[in-house]
Amino acid sequence: MAEHTLLDTRAMDKFLDQRASLIKRYKDLDAEYDEIIKTLKKEWKGRGADAFFEDAKNVKSNITGIKEVLNSMCDLLKNCRDIYGETDTALG
């Protein structure tokens, strides 16, 4: 008789259940970041401010990259979970 290795998918399910919450938290942080930068731009002038805002653009780019990575991770995990479910059903 063949041995079977069991896979506990509860951790995947728990993470996937939190996807909407993670995306909302990301959007909230992104909006807060934008608001902080907007407020600073109103009040802060000079070479130091110019350098800061240039760096802030780079940070914003990285924040956007984090969103893309988060979405890719969630999509990949969902695909894996779906395949595990299909395989489990097919094996009975």
Protein backbone atom coordinates (compact mmCIF):
# COMPACT_ATOMS: atom_id res chain seq x y z
CA MET A 1 0.00 0.00 0.00
CA ALA A 2 1.33 3.43 -0.94
CA GLU A 3 2.08 5.92 1.77
CA HIS A 4 0.34 9.28 1.61
CA THR A 5 1.67 12.51 2.96
CA LEU A 6 -1.07 14.68 4.38
CA LEU A 7 -1.08 18.39 3.71
CA ASP A 8 -2.76 20.66 6.21
CA THR A 9 -4.09 23.57 4.18
CA ARG A 10 -5.57 25.49 7.12
CA ALA A 11 -2.66 27.96 7.19
CA MET A 12 -3.20 28.70 3.49
CA ASP A 13 -6.92 29.15 4.04
CA LYS A 14 -6.31 31.46 7.00
CA PHE A 15 -3.93 33.63 4.99
CA LEU A 16 -6.27 33.76 2.00
CA ASP A 17 -9.14 34.74 4.29
CA GLN A 18 -7.04 37.73 5.38
CA ARG A 19 -6.23 38.87 1.83
CA ALA A 20 -8.90 41.59 1.74
CA SER A 21 -7.74 42.87 5.11
CA LEU A 22 -4.10 42.98 3.97
CA ILE A 23 -5.00 44.88 0.81
CA LYS A 24 -7.11 47.36 2.79
CA ARG A 25 -4.23 47.91 5.24
CA TYR A 26 -1.89 48.50 2.30
CA LYS A 27 -4.30 51.02 0.74
CA ASP A 28 -4.72 52.82 4.08
CA LEU A 29 -0.94 53.08 4.57
CA ASP A 30 -0.47 54.24 0.99
CA ALA A 31 -3.12 56.95 1.39
CA GLU A 32 -1.61 58.06 4.71
CA TYR A 33 1.84 58.28 3.09
CA ASP A 34 0.43 60.40 0.26
CA GLU A 35 -1.30 62.71 2.75
CA ILE A 36 1.87 63.18 4.78
CA ILE A 37 3.88 64.06 1.67
CA LYS A 38 1.15 66.45 0.49
CA THR A 39 1.13 68.23 3.87
CA LEU A 40 4.91 68.49 3.96
CA LYS A 41 5.01 69.95 0.45
CA LYS A 42 2.73 72.78 1.54
CA GLU A 43 5.01 73.85 4.37
CA TRP A 44 8.56 72.74 3.62
CA LYS A 45 10.70 74.55 1.06
CA GLY A 46 14.40 74.60 0.22
CA ARG A 47 17.16 72.25 -0.89
CA GLY A 48 16.57 69.82 1.98
CA ALA A 49 12.90 69.63 1.08
CA ASP A 50 13.73 69.09 -2.60
CA ALA A 51 16.07 66.21 -1.70
CA PHE A 52 13.50 64.71 0.65
CA PHE A 53 10.72 64.82 -1.93
CA GLU A 54 12.97 63.22 -4.53
CA ASP A 55 13.62 60.38 -2.08
CA ALA A 56 9.90 60.25 -1.30
CA LYS A 57 9.24 59.48 -4.99
CA ASN A 58 11.58 56.50 -4.75
CA VAL A 59 9.88 55.31 -1.57
CA LYS A 60 6.49 55.62 -3.27
CA SER A 61 7.77 53.52 -6.15
CA ASN A 62 8.90 50.85 -3.69
CA ILE A 63 5.55 50.96 -1.90
CA THR A 64 3.83 50.33 -5.22
CA GLY A 65 6.21 47.43 -5.80
CA ILE A 66 5.22 45.94 -2.45
CA LYS A 67 1.57 45.99 -3.54
CA GLU A 68 2.42 44.08 -6.70
CA VAL A 69 4.43 41.50 -4.74
CA LEU A 70 1.60 41.10 -2.22
CA ASN A 71 -0.94 40.55 -4.98
CA SER A 72 1.33 38.06 -6.76
CA MET A 73 1.92 36.12 -3.55
CA CYS A 74 -1.79 35.95 -2.82
CA ASP A 75 -2.62 34.88 -6.37
CA LEU A 76 0.06 32.17 -6.34
CA LEU A 77 -1.04 30.84 -2.96
CA LYS A 78 -4.68 30.76 -4.14
CA ASN A 79 -3.65 28.83 -7.26
CA CYS A 80 -1.69 26.34 -5.14
CA ARG A 81 -4.61 25.94 -2.74
CA ASP A 82 -7.00 25.32 -5.65
CA ILE A 83 -4.68 22.66 -7.10
CA TYR A 84 -4.37 20.94 -3.72
CA GLY A 85 -8.16 20.92 -3.42
CA GLU A 86 -8.63 19.53 -6.93
CA THR A 87 -6.01 16.83 -6.33
CA ASP A 88 -7.57 15.88 -3.00
CA THR A 89 -10.99 15.58 -4.65
CA ALA A 90 -9.59 13.52 -7.53
CA LEU A 91 -7.81 11.14 -5.13
CA GLY A 92 -10.96 10.71 -3.08
